[in-house]
Amino acid sequence: MALALPEAGRYFARSLKQSLRLMVGLPDYDAYLSHMSATHPGQPPMSYEAFFRERLEARYGGGKGRCC
């Protein structure tokens, strides 16, 4: 049980960090890297800068004006 408490704390901190990032709309690069290594092992992942730019374009329409 002594090892379970520190592990639970690390899991909670990781989950809280991810939740806060998602609430404010920041993409999760670590989750993307995990996904790429698990499901697309032969493909090189995007750099952090390319990933962040792609996520912003996906979220805001790549510069296209929108009303609301």
N, C-alpha and C. Protein backbone atom coordinates (compact mmCIF):
# COMPACT_ATOMS: atom_id res chain seq x y z
N MET A 1 0.82 -1.19 0.00
CA MET A 1 0.00 0.00 0.00
C MET A 1 0.87 1.26 0.00
N ALA A 2 2.08 1.17 0.54
CA ALA A 2 2.94 2.35 0.61
C ALA A 2 3.32 2.84 -0.79
N LEU A 3 3.44 1.95 -1.74
CA LEU A 3 3.78 2.36 -3.10
C LEU A 3 2.56 2.87 -3.86
N ALA A 4 1.38 2.47 -3.45
CA ALA A 4 0.18 2.85 -4.17
C ALA A 4 -0.13 4.34 -4.02
N LEU A 5 0.14 4.91 -2.86
CA LEU A 5 -0.19 6.32 -2.63
C LEU A 5 0.63 7.26 -3.51
N PRO A 6 1.97 7.13 -3.59
CA PRO A 6 2.73 8.01 -4.49
C PRO A 6 2.32 7.83 -5.96
N GLU A 7 2.05 6.59 -6.35
CA GLU A 7 1.63 6.34 -7.72
C GLU A 7 0.29 7.00 -8.00
N ALA A 8 -0.63 6.93 -7.05
CA ALA A 8 -1.94 7.57 -7.20
C ALA A 8 -1.77 9.08 -7.29
N GLY A 9 -0.85 9.65 -6.52
CA GLY A 9 -0.60 11.08 -6.57
C GLY A 9 -0.07 11.52 -7.92
N ARG A 10 0.84 10.75 -8.49
CA ARG A 10 1.37 11.08 -9.82
C ARG A 10 0.27 10.98 -10.87
N TYR A 11 -0.56 9.96 -10.76
CA TYR A 11 -1.67 9.81 -11.72
C TYR A 11 -2.64 10.98 -11.60
N PHE A 12 -2.96 11.38 -10.36
CA PHE A 12 -3.87 12.50 -10.14
C PHE A 12 -3.29 13.78 -10.71
N ALA A 13 -2.00 14.03 -10.47
CA ALA A 13 -1.36 15.25 -10.97
C ALA A 13 -1.36 15.26 -12.50
N ARG A 14 -1.06 14.13 -13.12
CA ARG A 14 -1.08 14.04 -14.59
C ARG A 14 -2.47 14.29 -15.13
N SER A 15 -3.47 13.70 -14.48
CA SER A 15 -4.85 13.87 -14.93
C SER A 15 -5.32 15.31 -14.76
N LEU A 16 -4.95 15.93 -13.65
CA LEU A 16 -5.33 17.32 -13.41
C LEU A 16 -4.68 18.23 -14.44
N LYS A 17 -3.41 18.02 -14.73
CA LYS A 17 -2.70 18.82 -15.72
C LYS A 17 -3.36 18.70 -17.09
N GLN A 18 -3.69 17.48 -17.48
CA GLN A 18 -4.33 17.26 -18.77
C GLN A 18 -5.71 17.91 -18.81
N SER A 19 -6.47 17.80 -17.74
CA SER A 19 -7.81 18.40 -17.69
C SER A 19 -7.74 19.92 -17.79
N LEU A 20 -6.82 20.52 -17.07
CA LEU A 20 -6.68 21.98 -17.13
C LEU A 20 -6.27 22.44 -18.52
N ARG A 21 -5.36 21.72 -19.15
CA ARG A 21 -4.94 22.08 -20.50
C ARG A 21 -6.11 21.98 -21.48
N LEU A 22 -6.92 20.94 -21.34
CA LEU A 22 -8.07 20.79 -22.23
C LEU A 22 -9.12 21.87 -21.98
N MET A 23 -9.28 22.29 -20.73
CA MET A 23 -10.26 23.34 -20.42
C MET A 23 -9.92 24.67 -21.08
N VAL A 24 -8.65 24.98 -21.16
CA VAL A 24 -8.25 26.25 -21.77
C VAL A 24 -7.91 26.09 -23.25
N GLY A 25 -8.02 24.89 -23.77
CA GLY A 25 -7.85 24.67 -25.20
C GLY A 25 -6.43 24.42 -25.66
N LEU A 26 -5.52 24.08 -24.75
CA LEU A 26 -4.15 23.77 -25.17
C LEU A 26 -4.07 22.31 -25.61
N PRO A 27 -3.52 22.04 -26.76
CA PRO A 27 -3.39 20.66 -27.20
C PRO A 27 -2.40 19.88 -26.35
N ASP A 28 -2.59 18.58 -26.26
CA ASP A 28 -1.74 17.73 -25.43
C ASP A 28 -0.75 16.97 -26.31
N TYR A 29 0.46 17.49 -26.41
CA TYR A 29 1.49 16.91 -27.27
C TYR A 29 1.91 15.53 -26.77
N ASP A 30 1.97 15.33 -25.45
CA ASP A 30 2.35 14.03 -24.91
C ASP A 30 1.35 12.95 -25.30
N ALA A 31 0.07 13.28 -25.27
CA ALA A 31 -0.96 12.32 -25.68
C ALA A 31 -0.82 12.01 -27.18
N TYR A 32 -0.51 13.04 -27.97
CA TYR A 32 -0.30 12.84 -29.40
C TYR A 32 0.88 11.89 -29.66
N LEU A 33 1.98 12.11 -28.92
CA LEU A 33 3.15 11.24 -29.10
C LEU A 33 2.83 9.79 -28.71
N SER A 34 2.08 9.61 -27.63
CA SER A 34 1.68 8.26 -27.22
C SER A 34 0.81 7.61 -28.28
N HIS A 35 -0.12 8.37 -28.81
CA HIS A 35 -1.01 7.86 -29.86
C HIS A 35 -0.20 7.46 -31.10
N MET A 36 0.72 8.33 -31.51
CA MET A 36 1.51 8.03 -32.70
C MET A 36 2.36 6.78 -32.52
N SER A 37 2.98 6.62 -31.35
CA SER A 37 3.83 5.45 -31.15
C SER A 37 3.00 4.17 -31.04
N ALA A 38 1.78 4.27 -30.52
CA ALA A 38 0.94 3.08 -30.36
C ALA A 38 0.23 2.68 -31.65
N THR A 39 -0.24 3.65 -32.43
CA THR A 39 -1.06 3.31 -33.60
C THR A 39 -0.40 3.55 -34.94
N HIS A 40 0.65 4.35 -34.98
CA HIS A 40 1.34 4.65 -36.24
C HIS A 40 2.86 4.55 -36.03
N PRO A 41 3.36 3.38 -35.67
CA PRO A 41 4.79 3.27 -35.32
C PRO A 41 5.75 3.58 -36.47
N GLY A 42 5.34 3.43 -37.69
CA GLY A 42 6.23 3.68 -38.83
C GLY A 42 6.27 5.13 -39.26
N GLN A 43 5.39 5.96 -38.75
CA GLN A 43 5.30 7.36 -39.15
C GLN A 43 6.03 8.25 -38.15
N PRO A 44 6.83 9.18 -38.62
CA PRO A 44 7.47 10.10 -37.67
C PRO A 44 6.44 11.11 -37.16
N PRO A 45 6.45 11.41 -35.86
CA PRO A 45 5.50 12.40 -35.34
C PRO A 45 5.90 13.82 -35.73
N MET A 46 4.93 14.72 -35.71
CA MET A 46 5.20 16.12 -36.00
C MET A 46 6.02 16.71 -34.86
N SER A 47 6.75 17.76 -35.17
CA SER A 47 7.46 18.49 -34.12
C SER A 47 6.41 19.20 -33.26
N TYR A 48 6.82 19.67 -32.08
CA TYR A 48 5.87 20.36 -31.21
C TYR A 48 5.30 21.59 -31.91
N GLU A 49 6.15 22.33 -32.61
CA GLU A 49 5.70 23.54 -33.29
C GLU A 49 4.69 23.22 -34.38
N ALA A 50 4.97 22.19 -35.19
CA ALA A 50 4.04 21.80 -36.25
C ALA A 50 2.73 21.28 -35.67
N PHE A 51 2.82 20.51 -34.59
CA PHE A 51 1.62 19.99 -33.93
C PHE A 51 0.77 21.14 -33.40
N PHE A 52 1.39 22.09 -32.71
CA PHE A 52 0.66 23.20 -32.14
C PHE A 52 -0.01 24.04 -33.24
N ARG A 53 0.73 24.30 -34.32
CA ARG A 53 0.19 25.07 -35.44
C ARG A 53 -1.00 24.35 -36.08
N GLU A 54 -0.86 23.04 -36.27
CA GLU A 54 -1.96 22.25 -36.87
C GLU A 54 -3.19 22.27 -35.98
N ARG A 55 -3.02 22.16 -34.67
CA ARG A 55 -4.15 22.19 -33.74
C ARG A 55 -4.83 23.55 -33.73
N LEU A 56 -4.05 24.64 -33.81
CA LEU A 56 -4.65 25.97 -33.87
C LEU A 56 -5.45 26.16 -35.16
N GLU A 57 -4.90 25.70 -36.27
CA GLU A 57 -5.62 25.80 -37.54
C GLU A 57 -6.89 24.98 -37.52
N ALA A 58 -6.84 23.80 -36.91
CA ALA A 58 -8.04 22.96 -36.82
C ALA A 58 -9.09 23.62 -35.93
N ARG A 59 -8.65 24.27 -34.88
CA ARG A 59 -9.60 24.88 -33.95
C ARG A 59 -10.19 26.17 -34.49
N TYR A 60 -9.37 27.02 -35.09
CA TYR A 60 -9.83 28.33 -35.51
C TYR A 60 -10.04 28.47 -37.01
N GLY A 61 -9.94 27.40 -37.74
CA GLY A 61 -10.25 27.43 -39.16
C GLY A 61 -9.14 27.94 -40.06
N GLY A 62 -7.92 27.97 -39.58
CA GLY A 62 -6.79 28.35 -40.43
C GLY A 62 -6.88 29.73 -41.01
N GLY A 63 -7.41 30.70 -40.26
CA GLY A 63 -7.47 32.07 -40.73
C GLY A 63 -8.79 32.44 -41.40
N LYS A 64 -9.67 31.49 -41.61
CA LYS A 64 -10.96 31.80 -42.20
C LYS A 64 -11.79 32.57 -41.17
N GLY A 65 -12.39 33.64 -41.61
CA GLY A 65 -13.23 34.42 -40.70
C GLY A 65 -14.50 33.66 -40.38
N ARG A 66 -14.94 33.82 -39.16
CA ARG A 66 -16.21 33.20 -38.81
C ARG A 66 -16.97 34.13 -37.89
N CYS A 67 -18.23 34.03 -37.94
CA CYS A 67 -19.09 34.96 -37.20
C CYS A 67 -19.03 34.69 -35.70
N CYS A 68 -19.32 33.49 -35.27
CA CYS A 68 -19.44 33.23 -33.83
C CYS A 68 -18.52 32.18 -33.41
